[in-house]
PDB file of all heavy atoms in Angstrom:
ATOM      1  N   VAL A   1     104.669 -12.894 110.063  1.00  0.00           N
ATOM      2  CA  VAL A   1     104.650 -14.087 109.234  1.00  0.00           C
ATOM      3  C   VAL A   1     104.243 -15.285 110.139  1.00  0.00           C
ATOM      4  O   VAL A   1     103.371 -16.107 109.806  1.00  0.00           O
ATOM      5  CB  VAL A   1     105.966 -14.514 108.704  1.00  0.00           C
ATOM      6  CG1 VAL A   1     105.976 -15.802 107.960  1.00  0.00           C
ATOM      7  CG2 VAL A   1     106.411 -13.415 107.697  1.00  0.00           C
ATOM      8  N   TRP A   2     104.837 -15.394 111.273  1.00  0.00           N
ATOM      9  CA  TRP A   2     104.628 -16.437 112.243  1.00  0.00           C
ATOM     10  C   TRP A   2     105.221 -16.047 113.540  1.00  0.00           C
ATOM     11  O   TRP A   2     106.150 -15.208 113.535  1.00  0.00           O
ATOM     12  CB  TRP A   2     105.426 -17.727 111.665  1.00  0.00           C
ATOM     13  CG  TRP A   2     105.567 -18.875 112.572  1.00  0.00           C
ATOM     14  CD1 TRP A   2     106.099 -18.922 113.793  1.00  0.00           C
ATOM     15  CD2 TRP A   2     105.228 -20.211 112.182  1.00  0.00           C
ATOM     16  NE1 TRP A   2     106.066 -20.230 114.269  1.00  0.00           N
ATOM     17  CE2 TRP A   2     105.498 -21.044 113.270  1.00  0.00           C
ATOM     18  CE3 TRP A   2     104.614 -20.780 111.029  1.00  0.00           C
ATOM     19  CZ2 TRP A   2     105.254 -22.426 113.227  1.00  0.00           C
ATOM     20  CZ3 TRP A   2     104.414 -22.140 111.043  1.00  0.00           C
ATOM     21  CH2 TRP A   2     104.729 -23.049 112.132  1.00  0.00           C
ATOM     22  N   ALA A   3     104.695 -16.432 114.622  1.00  0.00           N
ATOM     23  CA  ALA A   3     105.265 -16.094 115.912  1.00  0.00           C
ATOM     24  C   ALA A   3     104.894 -17.249 116.883  1.00  0.00           C
ATOM     25  O   ALA A   3     103.894 -17.997 116.773  1.00  0.00           O
ATOM     26  CB  ALA A   3     104.619 -14.765 116.490  1.00  0.00           C
ATOM     27  N   GLY A   4     105.770 -17.426 117.884  1.00  0.00           N
ATOM     28  CA  GLY A   4     105.465 -18.514 118.816  1.00  0.00           C
ATOM     29  C   GLY A   4     106.557 -18.534 119.947  1.00  0.00           C
ATOM     30  O   GLY A   4     107.535 -17.806 119.993  1.00  0.00           O
ATOM     31  N   ALA A   5     106.277 -19.394 120.947  1.00  0.00           N
ATOM     32  CA  ALA A   5     107.179 -19.543 122.074  1.00  0.00           C
ATOM     33  C   ALA A   5     107.600 -21.034 122.093  1.00  0.00           C
ATOM     34  O   ALA A   5     106.811 -21.901 121.708  1.00  0.00           O
ATOM     35  CB  ALA A   5     106.482 -19.137 123.358  1.00  0.00           C
ATOM     36  N   GLY A   6     108.700 -21.259 122.737  1.00  0.00           N
ATOM     37  CA  GLY A   6     109.221 -22.585 122.935  1.00  0.00           C
ATOM     38  C   GLY A   6     110.166 -22.661 124.143  1.00  0.00           C
ATOM     39  O   GLY A   6     110.175 -21.738 124.925  1.00  0.00           O
ATOM     40  N   LEU A   7     110.901 -23.778 124.165  1.00  0.00           N
ATOM     41  CA  LEU A   7     111.782 -24.036 125.311  1.00  0.00           C
ATOM     42  C   LEU A   7     113.215 -23.998 124.934  1.00  0.00           C
ATOM     43  O   LEU A   7     113.593 -24.385 123.864  1.00  0.00           O
ATOM     44  CB  LEU A   7     111.454 -25.410 125.937  1.00  0.00           C
ATOM     45  CG  LEU A   7     110.013 -25.585 126.314  1.00  0.00           C
ATOM     46  CD1 LEU A   7     109.776 -27.021 126.696  1.00  0.00           C
ATOM     47  CD2 LEU A   7     109.625 -24.675 127.479  1.00  0.00           C
ATOM     48  N   LEU A   8     114.041 -23.512 125.844  1.00  0.00           N
ATOM     49  CA  LEU A   8     115.478 -23.436 125.712  1.00  0.00           C
ATOM     50  C   LEU A   8     115.954 -24.667 126.399  1.00  0.00           C
ATOM     51  O   LEU A   8     116.106 -24.765 127.669  1.00  0.00           O
ATOM     52  CB  LEU A   8     116.093 -22.182 126.219  1.00  0.00           C
ATOM     53  CG  LEU A   8     117.598 -22.017 126.044  1.00  0.00           C
ATOM     54  CD1 LEU A   8     117.941 -21.957 124.547  1.00  0.00           C
ATOM     55  CD2 LEU A   8     118.019 -20.814 126.784  1.00  0.00           C
ATOM     56  N   ARG A   9     116.275 -25.782 125.651  1.00  0.00           N
ATOM     57  CA  ARG A   9     116.626 -27.103 126.205  1.00  0.00           C
ATOM     58  C   ARG A   9     117.971 -27.466 125.755  1.00  0.00           C
ATOM     59  O   ARG A   9     118.377 -27.240 124.661  1.00  0.00           O
ATOM     60  CB  ARG A   9     115.570 -27.995 125.718  1.00  0.00           C
ATOM     61  CG  ARG A   9     114.860 -28.898 126.708  1.00  0.00           C
ATOM     62  CD  ARG A   9     113.955 -29.935 126.088  1.00  0.00           C
ATOM     63  NE  ARG A   9     113.017 -30.404 127.045  1.00  0.00           N
ATOM     64  CZ  ARG A   9     111.707 -30.407 126.900  1.00  0.00           C
ATOM     65  NH1 ARG A   9     111.161 -29.929 125.822  1.00  0.00           N
ATOM     66  NH2 ARG A   9     110.942 -30.937 127.925  1.00  0.00           N
ATOM     67  N   ASP A  10     118.649 -28.188 126.607  1.00  0.00           N
ATOM     68  CA  ASP A  10     119.929 -28.777 126.202  1.00  0.00           C
ATOM     69  C   ASP A  10     119.804 -30.209 125.821  1.00  0.00           C
ATOM     70  O   ASP A  10     118.670 -30.681 125.779  1.00  0.00           O
ATOM     71  CB  ASP A  10     121.024 -28.679 127.411  1.00  0.00           C
ATOM     72  CG  ASP A  10     120.595 -29.442 128.589  1.00  0.00           C
ATOM     73  OD1 ASP A  10     119.904 -30.418 128.567  1.00  0.00           O
ATOM     74  OD2 ASP A  10     121.107 -29.084 129.730  1.00  0.00           O
ATOM     75  N   ASN A  11     120.838 -30.817 125.351  1.00  0.00           N
ATOM     76  CA  ASN A  11     120.701 -32.225 124.757  1.00  0.00           C
ATOM     77  C   ASN A  11     120.428 -33.288 125.825  1.00  0.00           C
ATOM     78  O   ASN A  11     120.191 -34.386 125.451  1.00  0.00           O
ATOM     79  CB  ASN A  11     121.881 -32.508 124.015  1.00  0.00           C
ATOM     80  CG  ASN A  11     123.222 -32.500 124.680  1.00  0.00           C
ATOM     81  OD1 ASN A  11     123.190 -32.246 125.920  1.00  0.00           O
ATOM     82  ND2 ASN A  11     124.282 -32.590 123.938  1.00  0.00           N
ATOM     83  N   GLU A  12     120.394 -32.916 127.100  1.00  0.00           N
ATOM     84  CA  GLU A  12     119.942 -33.872 128.118  1.00  0.00           C
ATOM     85  C   GLU A  12     118.513 -33.726 128.437  1.00  0.00           C
ATOM     86  O   GLU A  12     117.907 -34.395 129.332  1.00  0.00           O
ATOM     87  CB  GLU A  12     120.814 -33.649 129.417  1.00  0.00           C
ATOM     88  CG  GLU A  12     122.329 -34.016 129.211  1.00  0.00           C
ATOM     89  CD  GLU A  12     123.104 -33.852 130.476  1.00  0.00           C
ATOM     90  OE1 GLU A  12     122.570 -33.137 131.468  1.00  0.00           O
ATOM     91  OE2 GLU A  12     124.217 -34.284 130.580  1.00  0.00           O
ATOM     92  N   GLY A  13     117.842 -32.792 127.828  1.00  0.00           N
ATOM     93  CA  GLY A  13     116.456 -32.481 128.022  1.00  0.00           C
ATOM     94  C   GLY A  13     116.133 -31.458 129.154  1.00  0.00           C
ATOM     95  O   GLY A  13     115.003 -31.137 129.333  1.00  0.00           O
ATOM     96  N   THR A  14     117.219 -30.950 129.773  1.00  0.00           N
ATOM     97  CA  THR A  14     116.972 -29.917 130.780  1.00  0.00           C
ATOM     98  C   THR A  14     116.540 -28.646 130.241  1.00  0.00           C
ATOM     99  O   THR A  14     117.040 -28.131 129.316  1.00  0.00           O
ATOM    100  CB  THR A  14     118.327 -29.654 131.555  1.00  0.00           C
ATOM    101  OG1 THR A  14     118.827 -30.949 132.110  1.00  0.00           O
ATOM    102  CG2 THR A  14     118.066 -28.671 132.722  1.00  0.00           C
ATOM    103  N   ILE A  15     115.444 -28.093 130.844  1.00  0.00           N
ATOM    104  CA  ILE A  15     114.913 -26.817 130.379  1.00  0.00           C
ATOM    105  C   ILE A  15     115.628 -25.664 131.100  1.00  0.00           C
ATOM    106  O   ILE A  15     115.681 -25.658 132.294  1.00  0.00           O
ATOM    107  CB  ILE A  15     113.430 -26.704 130.603  1.00  0.00           C
ATOM    108  CG1 ILE A  15     112.685 -27.847 129.844  1.00  0.00           C
ATOM    109  CG2 ILE A  15     112.845 -25.364 130.277  1.00  0.00           C
ATOM    110  CD1 ILE A  15     111.213 -27.958 130.087  1.00  0.00           C
ATOM    111  N   HIS A  16     116.193 -24.710 130.313  1.00  0.00           N
ATOM    112  CA  HIS A  16     116.845 -23.600 130.822  1.00  0.00           C
ATOM    113  C   HIS A  16     116.078 -22.280 130.802  1.00  0.00           C
ATOM    114  O   HIS A  16     116.609 -21.203 131.118  1.00  0.00           O
ATOM    115  CB  HIS A  16     118.229 -23.406 130.219  1.00  0.00           C
ATOM    116  CG  HIS A  16     119.180 -24.541 130.511  1.00  0.00           C
ATOM    117  ND1 HIS A  16     119.942 -24.573 131.628  1.00  0.00           N
ATOM    118  CD2 HIS A  16     119.424 -25.668 129.786  1.00  0.00           C
ATOM    119  CE1 HIS A  16     120.711 -25.686 131.575  1.00  0.00           C
ATOM    120  NE2 HIS A  16     120.344 -26.330 130.571  1.00  0.00           N
ATOM    121  N   GLY A  17     114.847 -22.381 130.221  1.00  0.00           N
ATOM    122  CA  GLY A  17     114.059 -21.186 130.176  1.00  0.00           C
ATOM    123  C   GLY A  17     113.081 -21.364 128.961  1.00  0.00           C
ATOM    124  O   GLY A  17     113.022 -22.292 128.243  1.00  0.00           O
ATOM    125  N   ARG A  18     112.279 -20.202 128.788  1.00  0.00           N
ATOM    126  CA  ARG A  18     111.468 -20.134 127.570  1.00  0.00           C
ATOM    127  C   ARG A  18     111.859 -19.018 126.757  1.00  0.00           C
ATOM    128  O   ARG A  18     112.293 -17.871 127.177  1.00  0.00           O
ATOM    129  CB  ARG A  18     109.923 -19.938 128.141  1.00  0.00           C
ATOM    130  CG  ARG A  18     109.425 -21.201 128.802  1.00  0.00           C
ATOM    131  CD  ARG A  18     107.979 -21.043 129.126  1.00  0.00           C
ATOM    132  NE  ARG A  18     107.467 -22.274 129.805  1.00  0.00           N
ATOM    133  CZ  ARG A  18     106.184 -22.517 130.094  1.00  0.00           C
ATOM    134  NH1 ARG A  18     105.269 -21.620 129.748  1.00  0.00           N
ATOM    135  NH2 ARG A  18     105.830 -23.606 130.697  1.00  0.00           N
ATOM    136  N   THR A  19     111.797 -19.242 125.436  1.00  0.00           N
ATOM    137  CA  THR A  19     112.090 -18.230 124.470  1.00  0.00           C
ATOM    138  C   THR A  19     110.894 -18.029 123.512  1.00  0.00           C
ATOM    139  O   THR A  19     109.948 -18.926 123.509  1.00  0.00           O
ATOM    140  CB  THR A  19     113.290 -18.612 123.607  1.00  0.00           C
ATOM    141  OG1 THR A  19     112.918 -19.916 122.836  1.00  0.00           O
ATOM    142  CG2 THR A  19     114.533 -18.874 124.417  1.00  0.00           C
ATOM    143  N   ALA A  20     110.879 -16.912 122.777  1.00  0.00           N
ATOM    144  CA  ALA A  20     109.788 -16.663 121.829  1.00  0.00           C
ATOM    145  C   ALA A  20     110.375 -15.859 120.639  1.00  0.00           C
ATOM    146  O   ALA A  20     111.497 -15.299 120.781  1.00  0.00           O
ATOM    147  CB  ALA A  20     108.624 -15.887 122.493  1.00  0.00           C
ATOM    148  N   PHE A  21     109.605 -15.844 119.625  1.00  0.00           N
ATOM    149  CA  PHE A  21     110.057 -15.119 118.413  1.00  0.00           C
ATOM    150  C   PHE A  21     108.874 -14.554 117.669  1.00  0.00           C
ATOM    151  O   PHE A  21     107.726 -15.045 117.832  1.00  0.00           O
ATOM    152  CB  PHE A  21     110.873 -15.974 117.530  1.00  0.00           C
ATOM    153  CG  PHE A  21     110.107 -16.904 116.649  1.00  0.00           C
ATOM    154  CD1 PHE A  21     109.680 -16.550 115.437  1.00  0.00           C
ATOM    155  CD2 PHE A  21     109.626 -18.141 117.182  1.00  0.00           C
ATOM    156  CE1 PHE A  21     108.849 -17.384 114.627  1.00  0.00           C
ATOM    157  CE2 PHE A  21     108.905 -18.995 116.469  1.00  0.00           C
ATOM    158  CZ  PHE A  21     108.466 -18.629 115.162  1.00  0.00           C
ATOM    159  N   ARG A  22     109.119 -13.496 116.981  1.00  0.00           N
ATOM    160  CA  ARG A  22     108.194 -12.852 116.099  1.00  0.00           C
ATOM    161  C   ARG A  22     108.796 -12.861 114.671  1.00  0.00           C
ATOM    162  O   ARG A  22     109.807 -12.208 114.531  1.00  0.00           O
ATOM    163  CB  ARG A  22     107.765 -11.462 116.432  1.00  0.00           C
ATOM    164  CG  ARG A  22     106.807 -11.379 117.722  1.00  0.00           C
ATOM    165  CD  ARG A  22     106.446  -9.925 117.874  1.00  0.00           C
ATOM    166  NE  ARG A  22     105.902  -9.359 116.688  1.00  0.00           N
ATOM    167  CZ  ARG A  22     106.126  -8.115 116.231  1.00  0.00           C
ATOM    168  NH1 ARG A  22     106.797  -7.269 116.997  1.00  0.00           N
ATOM    169  NH2 ARG A  22     105.564  -7.648 115.128  1.00  0.00           N
ATOM    170  N   GLY A  23     108.399 -13.610 113.838  1.00  0.00           N
ATOM    171  CA  GLY A  23     108.821 -13.555 112.426  1.00  0.00           C
ATOM    172  C   GLY A  23     108.255 -12.341 111.727  1.00  0.00           C
ATOM    173  O   GLY A  23     107.218 -12.377 111.115  1.00  0.00           O
ATOM    174  N   VAL A  24     108.960 -11.223 111.792  1.00  0.00           N
ATOM    175  CA  VAL A  24     108.489  -9.898 111.220  1.00  0.00           C
ATOM    176  C   VAL A  24     108.594  -9.997 109.722  1.00  0.00           C
ATOM    177  O   VAL A  24     107.991  -9.110 109.029  1.00  0.00           O
ATOM    178  CB  VAL A  24     109.203  -8.744 111.831  1.00  0.00           C
ATOM    179  CG1 VAL A  24     108.775  -8.633 113.312  1.00  0.00           C
ATOM    180  CG2 VAL A  24     110.670  -8.679 111.659  1.00  0.00           C
TER     181      VAL A  24
END
């Protein structure tokens, strides 16, 4: 349906990694 990648961020803006998903 949709797929993409984004950032795993906390509320201080710190990036803890990258995540992705596939909307199957």
